[in-house]
Amino acid sequence: RAILLQMMGYKVSVFEFIGGEHTSKNVMITAVKKNGPSSKSVELRSKLKKLAEFHGITSHKLASWMKEELAGEVQADKFPPRLSRR
């Protein structure tokens, strides 16, 4: 999400909102609009696609709204097995 916002010209900060001992969903994203899309959109788009491919993410609502393709068909053998949470 942060990279998508940066591509659209937002100054983005990501930080821990609540300690990890309380919840696994503990990240807050803040964004302040600057003037127009980032001049680094090409580099950010490349980084976004690499991260999406690494994590096996093929779609994301914000990316869809922005008409950004994340990754094509995911090949299972490219990704490490998921660790179980115990």
N, C-alpha and C. Protein backbone atom coordinates (compact mmCIF):
# COMPACT_ATOMS: atom_id res chain seq x y z
N ARG A 1 0.83 -1.20 0.00
CA ARG A 1 0.00 0.00 0.00
C ARG A 1 0.87 1.25 0.00
N ALA A 2 1.93 1.21 0.81
CA ALA A 2 2.80 2.38 0.91
C ALA A 2 3.42 2.71 -0.45
N ILE A 3 3.88 1.69 -1.17
CA ILE A 3 4.50 1.94 -2.47
C ILE A 3 3.48 2.49 -3.46
N LEU A 4 2.27 1.96 -3.44
CA LEU A 4 1.22 2.47 -4.33
C LEU A 4 0.95 3.95 -4.04
N LEU A 5 0.89 4.30 -2.77
CA LEU A 5 0.67 5.71 -2.40
C LEU A 5 1.84 6.58 -2.83
N GLN A 6 3.06 6.09 -2.66
CA GLN A 6 4.24 6.85 -3.09
C GLN A 6 4.19 7.10 -4.59
N MET A 7 3.77 6.09 -5.36
CA MET A 7 3.69 6.25 -6.81
C MET A 7 2.75 7.38 -7.20
N MET A 8 1.72 7.60 -6.39
CA MET A 8 0.74 8.65 -6.68
C MET A 8 1.13 10.01 -6.11
N GLY A 9 2.33 10.09 -5.53
CA GLY A 9 2.82 11.39 -5.08
C GLY A 9 2.58 11.70 -3.62
N TYR A 10 2.36 10.68 -2.80
CA TYR A 10 2.18 10.89 -1.37
C TYR A 10 3.50 10.68 -0.65
N LYS A 11 3.74 11.47 0.40
CA LYS A 11 4.86 11.23 1.31
C LYS A 11 4.32 10.26 2.35
N VAL A 12 4.92 9.07 2.42
CA VAL A 12 4.36 7.98 3.20
C VAL A 12 5.27 7.62 4.38
N SER A 13 4.64 7.37 5.52
CA SER A 13 5.34 6.84 6.70
C SER A 13 4.61 5.58 7.15
N VAL A 14 5.38 4.55 7.48
CA VAL A 14 4.81 3.30 7.99
C VAL A 14 5.45 3.04 9.35
N PHE A 15 4.62 2.81 10.37
CA PHE A 15 5.18 2.57 11.69
C PHE A 15 4.29 1.64 12.50
N GLU A 16 4.88 1.06 13.56
CA GLU A 16 4.15 0.16 14.43
C GLU A 16 3.16 0.97 15.26
N PHE A 17 1.90 0.57 15.22
CA PHE A 17 0.84 1.30 15.90
C PHE A 17 0.60 0.74 17.30
N ILE A 18 0.52 -0.58 17.39
CA ILE A 18 0.31 -1.27 18.66
C ILE A 18 1.38 -2.36 18.74
N GLY A 19 1.91 -2.60 19.91
CA GLY A 19 2.96 -3.60 20.07
C GLY A 19 2.56 -4.97 19.55
N GLY A 20 3.51 -5.70 18.98
CA GLY A 20 3.26 -7.02 18.41
C GLY A 20 2.75 -8.04 19.40
N GLU A 21 2.96 -7.80 20.67
CA GLU A 21 2.45 -8.75 21.66
C GLU A 21 0.92 -8.68 21.80
N HIS A 22 0.30 -7.60 21.29
CA HIS A 22 -1.14 -7.43 21.39
C HIS A 22 -1.88 -7.85 20.12
N THR A 23 -1.27 -7.63 18.97
CA THR A 23 -1.93 -7.95 17.70
C THR A 23 -0.89 -8.10 16.60
N SER A 24 -1.19 -8.96 15.63
CA SER A 24 -0.27 -9.10 14.50
C SER A 24 -0.51 -8.01 13.45
N LYS A 25 -1.65 -7.36 13.52
CA LYS A 25 -1.98 -6.28 12.58
C LYS A 25 -1.68 -4.96 13.26
N ASN A 26 -0.41 -4.61 13.32
CA ASN A 26 0.00 -3.48 14.14
C ASN A 26 0.71 -2.37 13.37
N VAL A 27 0.44 -2.26 12.08
CA VAL A 27 1.13 -1.26 11.27
C VAL A 27 0.17 -0.14 10.87
N MET A 28 0.62 1.09 11.00
CA MET A 28 -0.17 2.24 10.57
C MET A 28 0.55 2.91 9.41
N ILE A 29 -0.21 3.30 8.41
CA ILE A 29 0.34 4.02 7.26
C ILE A 29 -0.24 5.42 7.28
N THR A 30 0.63 6.42 7.23
CA THR A 30 0.16 7.79 7.09
C THR A 30 0.68 8.32 5.75
N ALA A 31 -0.12 9.15 5.11
CA ALA A 31 0.27 9.68 3.81
C ALA A 31 -0.20 11.13 3.67
N VAL A 32 0.70 11.97 3.16
CA VAL A 32 0.39 13.38 2.91
C VAL A 32 0.62 13.64 1.43
N LYS A 33 -0.39 14.18 0.76
CA LYS A 33 -0.32 14.42 -0.68
C LYS A 33 0.68 15.52 -1.01
N LYS A 34 1.56 15.20 -1.97
CA LYS A 34 2.49 16.20 -2.50
C LYS A 34 1.96 16.61 -3.87
N ASN A 35 2.79 17.23 -4.68
CA ASN A 35 2.36 17.69 -6.00
C ASN A 35 2.51 16.60 -7.05
N GLY A 36 1.44 15.97 -7.47
CA GLY A 36 1.44 15.03 -8.58
C GLY A 36 2.16 13.72 -8.31
N PRO A 37 2.12 12.83 -9.29
CA PRO A 37 2.76 11.52 -9.17
C PRO A 37 4.27 11.64 -8.98
N SER A 38 4.85 10.63 -8.36
CA SER A 38 6.28 10.61 -8.08
C SER A 38 7.10 10.55 -9.36
N SER A 39 8.24 11.20 -9.34
CA SER A 39 9.17 11.12 -10.47
C SER A 39 9.89 9.77 -10.47
N LYS A 40 9.75 9.01 -9.39
CA LYS A 40 10.38 7.69 -9.28
C LYS A 40 9.37 6.57 -9.51
N SER A 41 8.29 6.84 -10.23
CA SER A 41 7.24 5.85 -10.45
C SER A 41 7.74 4.56 -11.08
N VAL A 42 8.68 4.66 -12.02
CA VAL A 42 9.20 3.46 -12.70
C VAL A 42 9.92 2.56 -11.70
N GLU A 43 10.77 3.15 -10.86
CA GLU A 43 11.50 2.36 -9.86
C GLU A 43 10.53 1.78 -8.83
N LEU A 44 9.56 2.59 -8.39
CA LEU A 44 8.59 2.13 -7.40
C LEU A 44 7.73 1.00 -7.97
N ARG A 45 7.32 1.12 -9.23
CA ARG A 45 6.51 0.07 -9.87
C ARG A 45 7.29 -1.24 -9.93
N SER A 46 8.58 -1.17 -10.25
CA SER A 46 9.42 -2.36 -10.29
C SER A 46 9.52 -3.00 -8.90
N LYS A 47 9.73 -2.18 -7.88
CA LYS A 47 9.82 -2.67 -6.50
C LYS A 47 8.50 -3.32 -6.08
N LEU A 48 7.39 -2.69 -6.43
CA LEU A 48 6.06 -3.22 -6.11
C LEU A 48 5.86 -4.60 -6.73
N LYS A 49 6.20 -4.74 -7.99
CA LYS A 49 6.02 -6.02 -8.68
C LYS A 49 6.91 -7.11 -8.08
N LYS A 50 8.14 -6.76 -7.73
CA LYS A 50 9.05 -7.75 -7.12
C LYS A 50 8.52 -8.21 -5.76
N LEU A 51 8.04 -7.28 -4.94
CA LEU A 51 7.47 -7.64 -3.64
C LEU A 51 6.23 -8.50 -3.80
N ALA A 52 5.35 -8.13 -4.72
CA ALA A 52 4.12 -8.89 -4.95
C ALA A 52 4.46 -10.31 -5.41
N GLU A 53 5.41 -10.43 -6.30
CA GLU A 53 5.80 -11.75 -6.80
C GLU A 53 6.40 -12.59 -5.68
N PHE A 54 7.28 -12.00 -4.88
CA PHE A 54 7.93 -12.72 -3.79
C PHE A 54 6.91 -13.27 -2.80
N HIS A 55 5.89 -12.46 -2.48
CA HIS A 55 4.89 -12.85 -1.48
C HIS A 55 3.68 -13.57 -2.09
N GLY A 56 3.68 -13.75 -3.40
CA GLY A 56 2.59 -14.47 -4.04
C GLY A 56 1.29 -13.68 -4.16
N ILE A 57 1.40 -12.36 -4.16
CA ILE A 57 0.22 -11.50 -4.24
C ILE A 57 -0.08 -11.23 -5.71
N THR A 58 -1.26 -11.63 -6.15
CA THR A 58 -1.63 -11.44 -7.55
C THR A 58 -2.65 -10.33 -7.74
N SER A 59 -3.32 -9.93 -6.65
CA SER A 59 -4.27 -8.82 -6.77
C SER A 59 -4.36 -8.07 -5.45
N HIS A 60 -4.70 -6.81 -5.55
CA HIS A 60 -4.85 -5.94 -4.38
C HIS A 60 -5.84 -4.85 -4.78
N LYS A 61 -6.80 -4.57 -3.92
CA LYS A 61 -7.87 -3.63 -4.27
C LYS A 61 -7.34 -2.25 -4.66
N LEU A 62 -6.42 -1.70 -3.87
CA LEU A 62 -5.89 -0.37 -4.19
C LEU A 62 -5.17 -0.39 -5.53
N ALA A 63 -4.40 -1.44 -5.79
CA ALA A 63 -3.70 -1.56 -7.08
C ALA A 63 -4.70 -1.63 -8.22
N SER A 64 -5.79 -2.37 -8.02
CA SER A 64 -6.84 -2.46 -9.06
C SER A 64 -7.45 -1.10 -9.35
N TRP A 65 -7.76 -0.36 -8.29
CA TRP A 65 -8.33 0.98 -8.48
C TRP A 65 -7.37 1.88 -9.24
N MET A 66 -6.07 1.67 -9.03
CA MET A 66 -5.06 2.48 -9.72
C MET A 66 -4.68 1.91 -11.08
N LYS A 67 -5.31 0.78 -11.45
CA LYS A 67 -5.04 0.10 -12.71
C LYS A 67 -3.58 -0.35 -12.80
N GLU A 68 -3.05 -0.82 -11.67
CA GLU A 68 -1.69 -1.35 -11.59
C GLU A 68 -1.76 -2.87 -11.54
N GLU A 69 -1.05 -3.54 -12.42
CA GLU A 69 -0.97 -4.99 -12.39
C GLU A 69 0.16 -5.38 -11.45
N LEU A 70 -0.11 -6.32 -10.56
CA LEU A 70 0.91 -6.74 -9.61
C LEU A 70 1.76 -7.87 -10.16
N ALA A 71 1.12 -8.95 -10.54
CA ALA A 71 1.86 -10.11 -11.05
C ALA A 71 0.92 -10.94 -11.90
N GLY A 72 1.49 -11.70 -12.79
CA GLY A 72 0.70 -12.59 -13.61
C GLY A 72 0.37 -13.85 -12.85
N GLU A 73 0.25 -14.94 -13.55
CA GLU A 73 -0.03 -16.24 -12.94
C GLU A 73 1.10 -16.60 -11.99
N VAL A 74 0.76 -16.98 -10.78
CA VAL A 74 1.76 -17.31 -9.78
C VAL A 74 2.21 -18.75 -9.96
N GLN A 75 3.53 -18.96 -9.95
CA GLN A 75 4.08 -20.31 -10.05
C GLN A 75 4.49 -20.74 -8.65
N ALA A 76 3.85 -21.80 -8.16
CA ALA A 76 4.04 -22.25 -6.78
C ALA A 76 5.49 -22.58 -6.46
N ASP A 77 6.26 -23.10 -7.42
CA ASP A 77 7.63 -23.50 -7.12
C ASP A 77 8.57 -22.32 -6.91
N LYS A 78 8.13 -21.08 -7.15
CA LYS A 78 8.98 -19.92 -6.97
C LYS A 78 9.02 -19.44 -5.52
N PHE A 79 8.09 -19.91 -4.71
CA PHE A 79 7.93 -19.35 -3.38
C PHE A 79 8.31 -20.36 -2.30
N PRO A 80 8.93 -19.89 -1.22
CA PRO A 80 9.25 -20.80 -0.13
C PRO A 80 7.97 -21.26 0.56
N PRO A 81 7.98 -22.42 1.19
CA PRO A 81 6.78 -22.88 1.89
C PRO A 81 6.45 -21.94 3.03
N ARG A 82 5.17 -21.78 3.30
CA ARG A 82 4.74 -20.90 4.39
C ARG A 82 5.03 -21.58 5.72
N LEU A 83 5.43 -20.78 6.70
CA LEU A 83 5.68 -21.32 8.03
C LEU A 83 4.36 -21.35 8.79
N SER A 84 4.14 -22.40 9.52
CA SER A 84 2.92 -22.48 10.30
C SER A 84 3.08 -21.62 11.55
N ARG A 85 1.99 -21.06 12.02
CA ARG A 85 2.00 -20.22 13.22
C ARG A 85 1.58 -21.08 14.40
N ARG A 86 2.51 -21.41 15.24
CA ARG A 86 2.21 -22.22 16.43
C ARG A 86 2.70 -21.54 17.66
